[in-house]
Amino acid sequence: MRRERVVVLALDGVYPFELGIPSRILGAADGRYEILTCSVDGRPVRTNADFGVTVEHGPEALATADTVVIAPVAPAHLADEVADDVLAALALIRPGTRIVSICTGAFVLAAAGLLDGRRATTHWQVADRFRRMFPRVDLDPDVLFVDDHPFLTSAGAASGVDICLHLVRKDHGSRLANSVARRCVVPPFRDGGQAQYIEQPVPEQGAASTAATRAWALERLDEPLTLTDLSGHARMSQRTFARRFHDEVGLSPGRWLIQQRVVRARHLLESSDLTVDQIAGRVGFATGASLRQHLSAAIGVSPQAYRRTFQTAR
C-alpha cells in the first residue's frame, strides 16, 4: 500500500494547535499517510505562543508532497505580500499537487495568486480583510471548508479537523474516516457548508433548547416534516422556535433539514447499493430528481459521480 505524503508548511507566527492537526488526524488513518513538517528554511519557527517549534525538514520537502497543508498564522503576522522565501518555497510544489489551507493559511495562497477565480474560505473574523486584499477570490466566509480541487481551504481552528477528515473520506471512504474520528474523539462529519459562526451555541439559562427536537427529527428524516411539526414537538410557537433554532444551529429549520437529508443520502451512497430513488425515499426527498438537485447544490456532483468516488476509495 502506497502512503500519501503530506507536507505541512509552518511559517513564523503559526498557531501550534492547527499546526498539529494534520499529523494527529491523518496520522490516525492506519498508516495511509506520511506526514512531514517543514519551514521555508529548515530552521525553527516562532509560534504565536510562548514557545518555538523545531522542524525536521526544509522547503525541499514540498517538492515531494502529494498534499501540502499551509498551517495558519496569527493575524498580526499576515502581510499584504508574500515574502520572497515563502514564494520560493511554494514554487517547489509540483503542478497538480493537492494544496490545503487551514484558517489564515488561505491568505498565503491568495497572496501568491493561487486562488484567483476560485471559491475559498477563511476565518470569519478576517473575512473583510481578505476581501479587501484579494477581490479576485470568491470568498465564502460562512462555511467550514471549501473543496475546489486541487485547492481546499478551511475556516478557523477545529475546521482543520473537518477538512482533514474530509481528505480521509475522499481518499479512502467513510468507514476509515469514521474510525479516525472515533480514535481522535471528534465528530465524524461536519458538512463543509455548515455555518462557521453560531450566534448562541449554548441556550441562555432557563431557555428551552431545540436539541431534543433536532434529535427527534433526525430519526424521522423520511417523513415530510414541517415547521409546524418541529415547533409542536418543541412546544414553542413557530416564530420562537425558528428564532431559537437559528441562534443555536446557524441555519433555518428548513435549510437544516435539507442539509441533514443530504448528509444521510451521502452516507447511503457511500455504504449501500440502494438506487438513487430508494435513497431519496429513505432520507425524505420526494423524488430522485430532488435528491440530485440538492446534492448537486451542496457538493457540485451527481449521486452517481459521488458514489463512484467512494466505491473507488473502498
C-alpha atoms as a PDB file:
ATOM      1  CA  MET A   1       0.000   0.000   0.000  1.00  0.00           C
ATOM      2  CA  ARG A   2       1.439   3.339  -1.081  1.00  0.00           C
ATOM      3  CA  ARG A   3       1.377   6.029   1.580  1.00  0.00           C
ATOM      4  CA  GLU A   4       0.425   9.532   0.517  1.00  0.00           C
ATOM      5  CA  ARG A   5       2.989  12.096   1.579  1.00  0.00           C
ATOM      6  CA  VAL A   6       1.539  15.154   3.286  1.00  0.00           C
ATOM      7  CA  VAL A   7       3.899  18.066   3.903  1.00  0.00           C
ATOM      8  CA  VAL A   8       2.806  20.758   6.371  1.00  0.00           C
ATOM      9  CA  LEU A   9       4.382  24.196   5.914  1.00  0.00           C
ATOM     10  CA  ALA A  10       4.956  26.077   9.178  1.00  0.00           C
ATOM     11  CA  LEU A  11       5.504  29.841   8.991  1.00  0.00           C
ATOM     12  CA  ASP A  12       6.513  32.299  11.701  1.00  0.00           C
ATOM     13  CA  GLY A  13       3.552  33.121  13.926  1.00  0.00           C
ATOM     14  CA  VAL A  14       1.931  29.709  13.364  1.00  0.00           C
ATOM     15  CA  TYR A  15      -0.811  28.524  15.687  1.00  0.00           C
ATOM     16  CA  PRO A  16       0.542  25.394  17.439  1.00  0.00           C
ATOM     17  CA  PHE A  17      -2.847  23.673  17.673  1.00  0.00           C
ATOM     18  CA  GLU A  18      -3.632  23.932  13.977  1.00  0.00           C
ATOM     19  CA  LEU A  19      -0.057  23.000  13.052  1.00  0.00           C
ATOM     20  CA  GLY A  20      -0.554  19.641  14.738  1.00  0.00           C
ATOM     21  CA  ILE A  21      -3.968  18.816  13.251  1.00  0.00           C
ATOM     22  CA  PRO A  22      -2.766  17.078  10.035  1.00  0.00           C
ATOM     23  CA  SER A  23      -0.368  14.870  11.966  1.00  0.00           C
ATOM     24  CA  ARG A  24      -2.992  13.974  14.568  1.00  0.00           C
ATOM     25  CA  ILE A  25      -5.900  13.274  12.203  1.00  0.00           C
ATOM     26  CA  LEU A  26      -4.152  11.893   9.130  1.00  0.00           C
ATOM     27  CA  GLY A  27      -1.686  10.073  11.329  1.00  0.00           C
ATOM     28  CA  ALA A  28      -4.579   8.051  12.773  1.00  0.00           C
ATOM     29  CA  ALA A  29      -5.559   6.685   9.332  1.00  0.00           C
ATOM     30  CA  ASP A  30      -3.934   3.246   9.619  1.00  0.00           C
ATOM     31  CA  GLY A  31      -0.650   4.301   8.054  1.00  0.00           C
ATOM     32  CA  ARG A  32      -2.216   5.644   4.864  1.00  0.00           C
ATOM     33  CA  TYR A  33      -0.391   8.967   5.155  1.00  0.00           C
ATOM     34  CA  GLU A  34       3.176  10.020   5.849  1.00  0.00           C
ATOM     35  CA  ILE A  35       3.197  13.475   7.445  1.00  0.00           C
ATOM     36  CA  LEU A  36       6.248  15.740   7.328  1.00  0.00           C
ATOM     37  CA  THR A  37       6.553  19.254   8.720  1.00  0.00           C
ATOM     38  CA  CYS A  38       8.821  21.836   7.121  1.00  0.00           C
ATOM     39  CA  SER A  39       9.707  25.501   7.268  1.00  0.00           C
ATOM     40  CA  VAL A  40      10.842  27.823   4.493  1.00  0.00           C
ATOM     41  CA  ASP A  41      14.493  27.480   5.542  1.00  0.00           C
ATOM     42  CA  GLY A  42      14.611  24.327   7.669  1.00  0.00           C
ATOM     43  CA  ARG A  43      15.109  26.397  10.817  1.00  0.00           C
ATOM     44  CA  PRO A  44      12.917  26.534  13.946  1.00  0.00           C
ATOM     45  CA  VAL A  45       9.693  28.505  13.649  1.00  0.00           C
ATOM     46  CA  ARG A  46       8.298  31.021  16.109  1.00  0.00           C
ATOM     47  CA  THR A  47       4.698  30.278  17.097  1.00  0.00           C
ATOM     48  CA  ASN A  48       2.107  32.755  18.343  1.00  0.00           C
ATOM     49  CA  ALA A  49       2.529  31.166  21.794  1.00  0.00           C
ATOM     50  CA  ASP A  50       5.459  31.434  24.179  1.00  0.00           C
ATOM     51  CA  PHE A  51       7.474  28.679  22.523  1.00  0.00           C
ATOM     52  CA  GLY A  52       9.003  27.835  19.170  1.00  0.00           C
ATOM     53  CA  VAL A  53       8.844  24.694  17.066  1.00  0.00           C
ATOM     54  CA  THR A  54      11.810  22.801  15.681  1.00  0.00           C
ATOM     55  CA  VAL A  55      11.066  21.138  12.338  1.00  0.00           C
ATOM     56  CA  GLU A  56      12.932  18.290  10.694  1.00  0.00           C
ATOM     57  CA  HIS A  57      12.678  19.441   7.081  1.00  0.00           C
ATOM     58  CA  GLY A  58      13.381  22.408   4.852  1.00  0.00           C
ATOM     59  CA  PRO A  59      11.389  23.611   1.813  1.00  0.00           C
ATOM     60  CA  GLU A  60      12.742  20.820  -0.392  1.00  0.00           C
ATOM     61  CA  ALA A  61      10.182  18.518   1.250  1.00  0.00           C
ATOM     62  CA  LEU A  62       7.425  20.419  -0.580  1.00  0.00           C
ATOM     63  CA  ALA A  63       8.706  19.097  -3.901  1.00  0.00           C
ATOM     64  CA  THR A  64       8.000  15.534  -2.744  1.00  0.00           C
ATOM     65  CA  ALA A  65       4.453  16.127  -1.475  1.00  0.00           C
ATOM     66  CA  ASP A  66       1.226  14.599  -2.737  1.00  0.00           C
ATOM     67  CA  THR A  67      -0.658  17.025  -0.479  1.00  0.00           C
ATOM     68  CA  VAL A  68       0.607  20.288   1.005  1.00  0.00           C
ATOM     69  CA  VAL A  69      -1.023  21.869   4.056  1.00  0.00           C
ATOM     70  CA  ILE A  70      -0.476  25.556   4.828  1.00  0.00           C
ATOM     71  CA  ALA A  71      -0.811  25.987   8.584  1.00  0.00           C
ATOM     72  CA  PRO A  72      -2.320  29.280   9.800  1.00  0.00           C
ATOM     73  CA  VAL A  73      -0.563  32.190  11.441  1.00  0.00           C
ATOM     74  CA  ALA A  74      -1.862  34.821  13.839  1.00  0.00           C
ATOM     75  CA  PRO A  75      -3.412  37.822  12.017  1.00  0.00           C
ATOM     76  CA  ALA A  76      -0.610  40.078  13.259  1.00  0.00           C
ATOM     77  CA  HIS A  77       1.798  38.093  11.079  1.00  0.00           C
ATOM     78  CA  LEU A  78      -0.241  38.491   7.887  1.00  0.00           C
ATOM     79  CA  ALA A  79       1.355  40.750   5.291  1.00  0.00           C
ATOM     80  CA  ASP A  80      -0.010  42.343   2.134  1.00  0.00           C
ATOM     81  CA  GLU A  81       2.552  40.443   0.076  1.00  0.00           C
ATOM     82  CA  VAL A  82       4.108  37.013   0.396  1.00  0.00           C
ATOM     83  CA  ALA A  83       7.735  37.083   1.495  1.00  0.00           C
ATOM     84  CA  ASP A  84      10.282  36.031  -1.110  1.00  0.00           C
ATOM     85  CA  ASP A  85      11.332  32.936   0.846  1.00  0.00           C
ATOM     86  CA  VAL A  86       7.709  31.795   1.127  1.00  0.00           C
ATOM     87  CA  LEU A  87       7.158  32.317  -2.613  1.00  0.00           C
ATOM     88  CA  ALA A  88      10.325  30.357  -3.337  1.00  0.00           C
ATOM     89  CA  ALA A  89       9.089  27.517  -1.125  1.00  0.00           C
ATOM     90  CA  LEU A  90       5.659  27.459  -2.806  1.00  0.00           C
ATOM     91  CA  ALA A  91       7.344  27.369  -6.209  1.00  0.00           C
ATOM     92  CA  LEU A  92       8.805  23.982  -5.291  1.00  0.00           C
ATOM     93  CA  ILE A  93       5.356  22.385  -5.155  1.00  0.00           C
ATOM     94  CA  ARG A  94       4.754  20.168  -8.172  1.00  0.00           C
ATOM     95  CA  PRO A  95       1.889  21.108 -10.547  1.00  0.00           C
ATOM     96  CA  GLY A  96      -1.300  19.245  -9.697  1.00  0.00           C
ATOM     97  CA  THR A  97      -0.384  18.745  -6.043  1.00  0.00           C
ATOM     98  CA  ARG A  98      -3.348  18.997  -3.707  1.00  0.00           C
ATOM     99  CA  ILE A  99      -2.980  22.108  -1.526  1.00  0.00           C
ATOM    100  CA  VAL A 100      -4.915  22.640   1.692  1.00  0.00           C
ATOM    101  CA  SER A 101      -5.044  25.726   3.885  1.00  0.00           C
ATOM    102  CA  ILE A 102      -6.299  25.974   7.442  1.00  0.00           C
ATOM    103  CA  CYS A 103      -7.760  29.276   8.665  1.00  0.00           C
ATOM    104  CA  THR A 104      -5.475  32.184   7.716  1.00  0.00           C
ATOM    105  CA  GLY A 105      -3.347  29.881   5.563  1.00  0.00           C
ATOM    106  CA  ALA A 106      -5.694  30.960   2.776  1.00  0.00           C
ATOM    107  CA  PHE A 107      -4.053  34.408   2.862  1.00  0.00           C
ATOM    108  CA  VAL A 108      -0.764  32.830   1.799  1.00  0.00           C
ATOM    109  CA  LEU A 109      -2.346  31.013  -1.137  1.00  0.00           C
ATOM    110  CA  ALA A 110      -4.332  34.069  -2.200  1.00  0.00           C
ATOM    111  CA  ALA A 111      -1.338  36.402  -1.968  1.00  0.00           C
ATOM    112  CA  ALA A 112       0.570  34.009  -4.213  1.00  0.00           C
ATOM    113  CA  GLY A 113      -2.265  34.260  -6.783  1.00  0.00           C
ATOM    114  CA  LEU A 114      -3.220  30.604  -6.441  1.00  0.00           C
ATOM    115  CA  LEU A 115      -6.851  31.257  -5.502  1.00  0.00           C
ATOM    116  CA  ASP A 116      -7.711  33.825  -8.187  1.00  0.00           C
ATOM    117  CA  GLY A 117     -11.083  32.983  -9.708  1.00  0.00           C
ATOM    118  CA  ARG A 118     -11.641  30.198  -7.197  1.00  0.00           C
ATOM    119  CA  ARG A 119     -14.064  29.745  -4.329  1.00  0.00           C
ATOM    120  CA  ALA A 120     -12.416  29.720  -0.907  1.00  0.00           C
ATOM    121  CA  THR A 121     -12.997  30.378   2.763  1.00  0.00           C
ATOM    122  CA  THR A 122     -11.097  31.565   5.826  1.00  0.00           C
ATOM    123  CA  HIS A 123     -11.911  32.522   9.402  1.00  0.00           C
ATOM    124  CA  TRP A 124     -14.975  34.775   9.539  1.00  0.00           C
ATOM    125  CA  GLN A 125     -13.190  37.342  11.733  1.00  0.00           C
ATOM    126  CA  VAL A 126     -10.690  38.184   8.978  1.00  0.00           C
ATOM    127  CA  ALA A 127     -13.104  37.802   6.062  1.00  0.00           C
ATOM    128  CA  ASP A 128     -13.474  41.548   5.418  1.00  0.00           C
ATOM    129  CA  ARG A 129      -9.722  41.971   5.362  1.00  0.00           C
ATOM    130  CA  PHE A 130      -9.384  39.034   2.987  1.00  0.00           C
ATOM    131  CA  ARG A 131     -11.958  40.530   0.589  1.00  0.00           C
ATOM    132  CA  ARG A 132     -10.190  43.879   0.524  1.00  0.00           C
ATOM    133  CA  MET A 133      -6.835  42.272  -0.156  1.00  0.00           C
ATOM    134  CA  PHE A 134      -7.955  39.624  -2.660  1.00  0.00           C
ATOM    135  CA  PRO A 135     -11.022  40.770  -4.624  1.00  0.00           C
ATOM    136  CA  ARG A 136     -10.355  38.154  -7.320  1.00  0.00           C
ATOM    137  CA  VAL A 137     -11.101  35.307  -4.913  1.00  0.00           C
ATOM    138  CA  ASP A 138     -14.709  34.160  -4.491  1.00  0.00           C
ATOM    139  CA  LEU A 139     -14.727  34.169  -0.688  1.00  0.00           C
ATOM    140  CA  ASP A 140     -17.455  32.377   1.256  1.00  0.00           C
ATOM    141  CA  PRO A 141     -16.889  33.184   4.952  1.00  0.00           C
ATOM    142  CA  ASP A 142     -19.998  31.325   6.117  1.00  0.00           C
ATOM    143  CA  VAL A 143     -18.805  27.742   5.639  1.00  0.00           C
ATOM    144  CA  LEU A 144     -16.405  25.385   7.407  1.00  0.00           C
ATOM    145  CA  PHE A 145     -14.410  24.418   4.334  1.00  0.00           C
ATOM    146  CA  VAL A 146     -14.401  24.598   0.553  1.00  0.00           C
ATOM    147  CA  ASP A 147     -13.142  21.876  -1.778  1.00  0.00           C
ATOM    148  CA  ASP A 148     -12.266  23.488  -5.104  1.00  0.00           C
ATOM    149  CA  HIS A 149      -9.838  20.810  -6.277  1.00  0.00           C
ATOM    150  CA  PRO A 150      -6.875  20.871  -6.136  1.00  0.00           C
ATOM    151  CA  PHE A 151      -7.199  23.716  -3.596  1.00  0.00           C
ATOM    152  CA  LEU A 152      -9.048  23.152  -0.326  1.00  0.00           C
ATOM    153  CA  THR A 153      -9.492  25.958   2.199  1.00  0.00           C
ATOM    154  CA  SER A 154     -10.939  25.825   5.687  1.00  0.00           C
ATOM    155  CA  ALA A 155     -12.031  28.176   8.429  1.00  0.00           C
ATOM    156  CA  GLY A 156     -10.689  28.513  11.959  1.00  0.00           C
ATOM    157  CA  ALA A 157      -9.231  26.002  14.413  1.00  0.00           C
ATOM    158  CA  ALA A 158     -11.486  22.922  14.558  1.00  0.00           C
ATOM    159  CA  SER A 159     -12.441  23.192  10.889  1.00  0.00           C
ATOM    160  CA  GLY A 160      -8.895  21.990  10.254  1.00  0.00           C
ATOM    161  CA  VAL A 161     -10.058  18.715  11.791  1.00  0.00           C
ATOM    162  CA  ASP A 162     -13.081  18.710   9.484  1.00  0.00           C
ATOM    163  CA  ILE A 163     -11.048  19.229   6.344  1.00  0.00           C
ATOM    164  CA  CYS A 164      -8.532  16.527   7.279  1.00  0.00           C
ATOM    165  CA  LEU A 165     -11.379  14.073   7.884  1.00  0.00           C
ATOM    166  CA  HIS A 166     -12.767  15.161   4.524  1.00  0.00           C
ATOM    167  CA  LEU A 167      -9.446  14.193   2.932  1.00  0.00           C
ATOM    168  CA  VAL A 168      -9.619  10.747   4.520  1.00  0.00           C
ATOM    169  CA  ARG A 169     -13.224  10.279   3.367  1.00  0.00           C
ATOM    170  CA  LYS A 170     -12.347  11.396  -0.127  1.00  0.00           C
ATOM    171  CA  ASP A 171      -9.231   9.233  -0.372  1.00  0.00           C
ATOM    172  CA  HIS A 172     -10.304   6.104   1.498  1.00  0.00           C
ATOM    173  CA  GLY A 173     -14.051   6.191   2.186  1.00  0.00           C
ATOM    174  CA  SER A 174     -16.291   6.957   5.134  1.00  0.00           C
ATOM    175  CA  ARG A 175     -15.508   3.787   7.093  1.00  0.00           C
ATOM    176  CA  LEU A 176     -11.884   4.764   7.652  1.00  0.00           C
ATOM    177  CA  ALA A 177     -12.810   8.423   8.241  1.00  0.00           C
ATOM    178  CA  ASN A 178     -15.321   7.397  10.901  1.00  0.00           C
ATOM    179  CA  SER A 179     -12.701   5.154  12.511  1.00  0.00           C
ATOM    180  CA  VAL A 180     -10.221   8.048  12.603  1.00  0.00           C
ATOM    181  CA  ALA A 181     -12.855  10.304  14.161  1.00  0.00           C
ATOM    182  CA  ARG A 182     -13.575   7.760  16.888  1.00  0.00           C
ATOM    183  CA  ARG A 183      -9.878   7.397  17.685  1.00  0.00           C
ATOM    184  CA  CYS A 184      -9.467  11.163  17.942  1.00  0.00           C
ATOM    185  CA  VAL A 185     -12.809  11.626  19.751  1.00  0.00           C
ATOM    186  CA  VAL A 186     -14.128  14.205  17.288  1.00  0.00           C
ATOM    187  CA  PRO A 187     -17.375  14.403  15.293  1.00  0.00           C
ATOM    188  CA  PRO A 188     -17.013  12.110  12.261  1.00  0.00           C
ATOM    189  CA  PHE A 189     -18.660  14.512   9.858  1.00  0.00           C
ATOM    190  CA  ARG A 190     -19.499  18.192   9.771  1.00  0.00           C
ATOM    191  CA  ASP A 191     -20.611  19.268   6.328  1.00  0.00           C
ATOM    192  CA  GLY A 192     -18.404  21.894   4.719  1.00  0.00           C
ATOM    193  CA  GLY A 193     -21.447  24.094   4.180  1.00  0.00           C
ATOM    194  CA  GLN A 194     -22.267  24.262   7.863  1.00  0.00           C
ATOM    195  CA  ALA A 195     -22.248  27.770   9.292  1.00  0.00           C
ATOM    196  CA  GLN A 196     -18.946  28.937  10.810  1.00  0.00           C
ATOM    197  CA  TYR A 197     -20.397  31.280  13.357  1.00  0.00           C
ATOM    198  CA  ILE A 198     -23.364  30.258  15.503  1.00  0.00           C
ATOM    199  CA  GLU A 199     -24.876  33.129  17.446  1.00  0.00           C
ATOM    200  CA  GLN A 200     -25.899  31.158  20.521  1.00  0.00           C
ATOM    201  CA  PRO A 201     -24.485  27.603  20.618  1.00  0.00           C
ATOM    202  CA  VAL A 202     -25.486  27.222  24.290  1.00  0.00           C
ATOM    203  CA  PRO A 203     -29.039  28.305  25.216  1.00  0.00           C
ATOM    204  CA  GLU A 204     -29.433  31.056  27.767  1.00  0.00           C
ATOM    205  CA  GLN A 205     -30.050  29.813  31.271  1.00  0.00           C
ATOM    206  CA  GLY A 206     -33.706  28.943  31.613  1.00  0.00           C
ATOM    207  CA  ALA A 207     -34.323  28.949  27.838  1.00  0.00           C
ATOM    208  CA  ALA A 208     -35.565  25.816  26.141  1.00  0.00           C
ATOM    209  CA  SER A 209     -33.190  24.273  23.606  1.00  0.00           C
ATOM    210  CA  THR A 210     -34.122  22.839  20.229  1.00  0.00           C
ATOM    211  CA  ALA A 211     -31.635  19.967  20.653  1.00  0.00           C
ATOM    212  CA  ALA A 212     -34.246  17.391  21.611  1.00  0.00           C
ATOM    213  CA  THR A 213     -36.361  18.311  18.607  1.00  0.00           C
ATOM    214  CA  ARG A 214     -33.352  18.045  16.314  1.00  0.00           C
ATOM    215  CA  ALA A 215     -32.633  14.552  17.636  1.00  0.00           C
ATOM    216  CA  TRP A 216     -36.313  13.674  17.167  1.00  0.00           C
ATOM    217  CA  ALA A 217     -36.244  14.956  13.586  1.00  0.00           C
ATOM    218  CA  LEU A 218     -33.090  13.003  12.707  1.00  0.00           C
ATOM    219  CA  GLU A 219     -34.989   9.794  13.469  1.00  0.00           C
ATOM    220  CA  ARG A 220     -37.772  10.856  11.080  1.00  0.00           C
ATOM    221  CA  LEU A 221     -35.970  12.308   8.083  1.00  0.00           C
ATOM    222  CA  ASP A 222     -38.038  10.098   5.763  1.00  0.00           C
ATOM    223  CA  GLU A 223     -41.199  11.905   6.900  1.00  0.00           C
ATOM    224  CA  PRO A 224     -42.422  15.245   5.445  1.00  0.00           C
ATOM    225  CA  LEU A 225     -41.509  17.312   8.493  1.00  0.00           C
ATOM    226  CA  THR A 226     -42.768  20.886   8.613  1.00  0.00           C
ATOM    227  CA  LEU A 227     -42.088  23.873  10.834  1.00  0.00           C
ATOM    228  CA  THR A 228     -45.442  23.137  12.487  1.00  0.00           C
ATOM    229  CA  ASP A 229     -44.276  19.597  13.305  1.00  0.00           C
ATOM    230  CA  LEU A 230     -40.958  20.781  14.705  1.00  0.00           C
ATOM    231  CA  SER A 231     -42.295  23.672  16.773  1.00  0.00           C
ATOM    232  CA  GLY A 232     -45.118  21.455  18.043  1.00  0.00           C
ATOM    233  CA  HIS A 233     -42.649  18.862  19.266  1.00  0.00           C
ATOM    234  CA  ALA A 234     -40.607  21.598  20.963  1.00  0.00           C
ATOM    235  CA  ARG A 235     -43.797  23.119  22.442  1.00  0.00           C
ATOM    236  CA  MET A 236     -42.942  26.550  21.150  1.00  0.00           C
ATOM    237  CA  SER A 237     -44.608  28.971  18.801  1.00  0.00           C
ATOM    238  CA  GLN A 238     -43.308  28.755  15.240  1.00  0.00           C
ATOM    239  CA  ARG A 239     -41.697  32.191  15.492  1.00  0.00           C
ATOM    240  CA  THR A 240     -39.927  31.432  18.791  1.00  0.00           C
ATOM    241  CA  PHE A 241     -38.794  28.023  17.582  1.00  0.00           C
ATOM    242  CA  ALA A 242     -37.429  29.361  14.281  1.00  0.00           C
ATOM    243  CA  ARG A 243     -35.525  32.152  16.049  1.00  0.00           C
ATOM    244  CA  ARG A 244     -34.081  29.887  18.741  1.00  0.00           C
ATOM    245  CA  PHE A 245     -33.223  27.190  16.195  1.00  0.00           C
ATOM    246  CA  HIS A 246     -31.247  29.658  14.090  1.00  0.00           C
ATOM    247  CA  ASP A 247     -29.463  31.021  17.158  1.00  0.00           C
ATOM    248  CA  GLU A 248     -28.343  27.509  18.153  1.00  0.00           C
ATOM    249  CA  VAL A 249     -27.595  25.972  14.750  1.00  0.00           C
ATOM    250  CA  GLY A 250     -26.835  28.892  12.471  1.00  0.00           C
ATOM    251  CA  LEU A 251     -29.405  27.725   9.906  1.00  0.00           C
ATOM    252  CA  SER A 252     -33.164  27.901   9.443  1.00  0.00           C
ATOM    253  CA  PRO A 253     -35.078  24.702  10.287  1.00  0.00           C
ATOM    254  CA  GLY A 254     -35.841  24.111   6.613  1.00  0.00           C
ATOM    255  CA  ARG A 255     -32.258  24.513   5.484  1.00  0.00           C
ATOM    256  CA  TRP A 256     -31.043  22.328   8.344  1.00  0.00           C
ATOM    257  CA  LEU A 257     -33.456  19.553   7.338  1.00  0.00           C
ATOM    258  CA  ILE A 258     -32.197  19.662   3.759  1.00  0.00           C
ATOM    259  CA  GLN A 259     -28.595  19.566   4.982  1.00  0.00           C
ATOM    260  CA  GLN A 260     -29.264  16.554   7.216  1.00  0.00           C
ATOM    261  CA  ARG A 261     -31.070  14.735   4.405  1.00  0.00           C
ATOM    262  CA  VAL A 262     -28.127  15.339   2.106  1.00  0.00           C
ATOM    263  CA  VAL A 263     -25.730  14.074   4.799  1.00  0.00           C
ATOM    264  CA  ARG A 264     -27.810  10.903   5.227  1.00  0.00           C
ATOM    265  CA  ALA A 265     -28.023  10.441   1.459  1.00  0.00           C
ATOM    266  CA  ARG A 266     -24.242  10.766   1.142  1.00  0.00           C
ATOM    267  CA  HIS A 267     -23.774   8.077   3.782  1.00  0.00           C
ATOM    268  CA  LEU A 268     -26.130   5.718   1.925  1.00  0.00           C
ATOM    269  CA  LEU A 269     -24.436   6.436  -1.406  1.00  0.00           C
ATOM    270  CA  GLU A 270     -21.100   5.570   0.182  1.00  0.00           C
ATOM    271  CA  SER A 271     -22.174   2.482   2.095  1.00  0.00           C
ATOM    272  CA  SER A 272     -25.082   0.859   0.236  1.00  0.00           C
ATOM    273  CA  ASP A 273     -26.166  -0.309  -3.205  1.00  0.00           C
ATOM    274  CA  LEU A 274     -29.625   1.287  -2.972  1.00  0.00           C
ATOM    275  CA  THR A 275     -30.810   3.116  -6.056  1.00  0.00           C
ATOM    276  CA  VAL A 276     -30.988   6.892  -6.088  1.00  0.00           C
ATOM    277  CA  ASP A 277     -34.792   6.771  -5.889  1.00  0.00           C
ATOM    278  CA  GLN A 278     -34.661   4.377  -2.931  1.00  0.00           C
ATOM    279  CA  ILE A 279     -32.199   6.604  -1.111  1.00  0.00           C
ATOM    280  CA  ALA A 280     -34.328   9.666  -1.829  1.00  0.00           C
ATOM    281  CA  GLY A 281     -37.301   7.955  -0.186  1.00  0.00           C
ATOM    282  CA  ARG A 282     -35.291   6.943   2.870  1.00  0.00           C
ATOM    283  CA  VAL A 283     -33.986  10.448   3.544  1.00  0.00           C
ATOM    284  CA  GLY A 284     -37.176  12.397   2.871  1.00  0.00           C
ATOM    285  CA  PHE A 285     -36.743  13.762  -0.636  1.00  0.00           C
ATOM    286  CA  ALA A 286     -39.863  13.299  -2.724  1.00  0.00           C
ATOM    287  CA  THR A 287     -38.049  12.033  -5.820  1.00  0.00           C
ATOM    288  CA  GLY A 288     -34.649  11.003  -7.064  1.00  0.00           C
ATOM    289  CA  ALA A 289     -34.615  14.223  -9.078  1.00  0.00           C
ATOM    290  CA  SER A 290     -34.999  16.224  -5.879  1.00  0.00           C
ATOM    291  CA  LEU A 291     -32.064  14.366  -4.319  1.00  0.00           C
ATOM    292  CA  ARG A 292     -29.939  15.024  -7.404  1.00  0.00           C
ATOM    293  CA  GLN A 293     -30.771  18.728  -7.239  1.00  0.00           C
ATOM    294  CA  HIS A 294     -29.944  19.117  -3.546  1.00  0.00           C
ATOM    295  CA  LEU A 295     -26.777  17.008  -3.712  1.00  0.00           C
ATOM    296  CA  SER A 296     -25.524  18.996  -6.676  1.00  0.00           C
ATOM    297  CA  ALA A 297     -26.259  22.260  -4.856  1.00  0.00           C
ATOM    298  CA  ALA A 298     -24.414  21.038  -1.762  1.00  0.00           C
ATOM    299  CA  ILE A 299     -21.284  19.483  -3.253  1.00  0.00           C
ATOM    300  CA  GLY A 300     -21.482  20.067  -7.000  1.00  0.00           C
ATOM    301  CA  VAL A 301     -21.706  16.446  -8.183  1.00  0.00           C
ATOM    302  CA  SER A 302     -24.402  13.940  -9.108  1.00  0.00           C
ATOM    303  CA  PRO A 303     -25.260  10.941  -6.899  1.00  0.00           C
ATOM    304  CA  GLN A 304     -23.678   8.613  -9.455  1.00  0.00           C
ATOM    305  CA  ALA A 305     -20.425  10.566  -9.528  1.00  0.00           C
ATOM    306  CA  TYR A 306     -20.335  10.773  -5.746  1.00  0.00           C
ATOM    307  CA  ARG A 307     -20.911   7.027  -5.418  1.00  0.00           C
ATOM    308  CA  ARG A 308     -18.175   6.233  -7.961  1.00  0.00           C
ATOM    309  CA  THR A 309     -15.699   8.318  -5.934  1.00  0.00           C
ATOM    310  CA  PHE A 310     -16.307   6.356  -2.758  1.00  0.00           C
ATOM    311  CA  GLN A 311     -16.566   2.972  -4.449  1.00  0.00           C
ATOM    312  CA  THR A 312     -13.100   3.669  -5.849  1.00  0.00           C
ATOM    313  CA  ALA A 313     -11.865   4.686  -2.401  1.00  0.00           C
ATOM    314  CA  ARG A 314     -13.228   1.481  -0.863  1.00  0.00           C
END
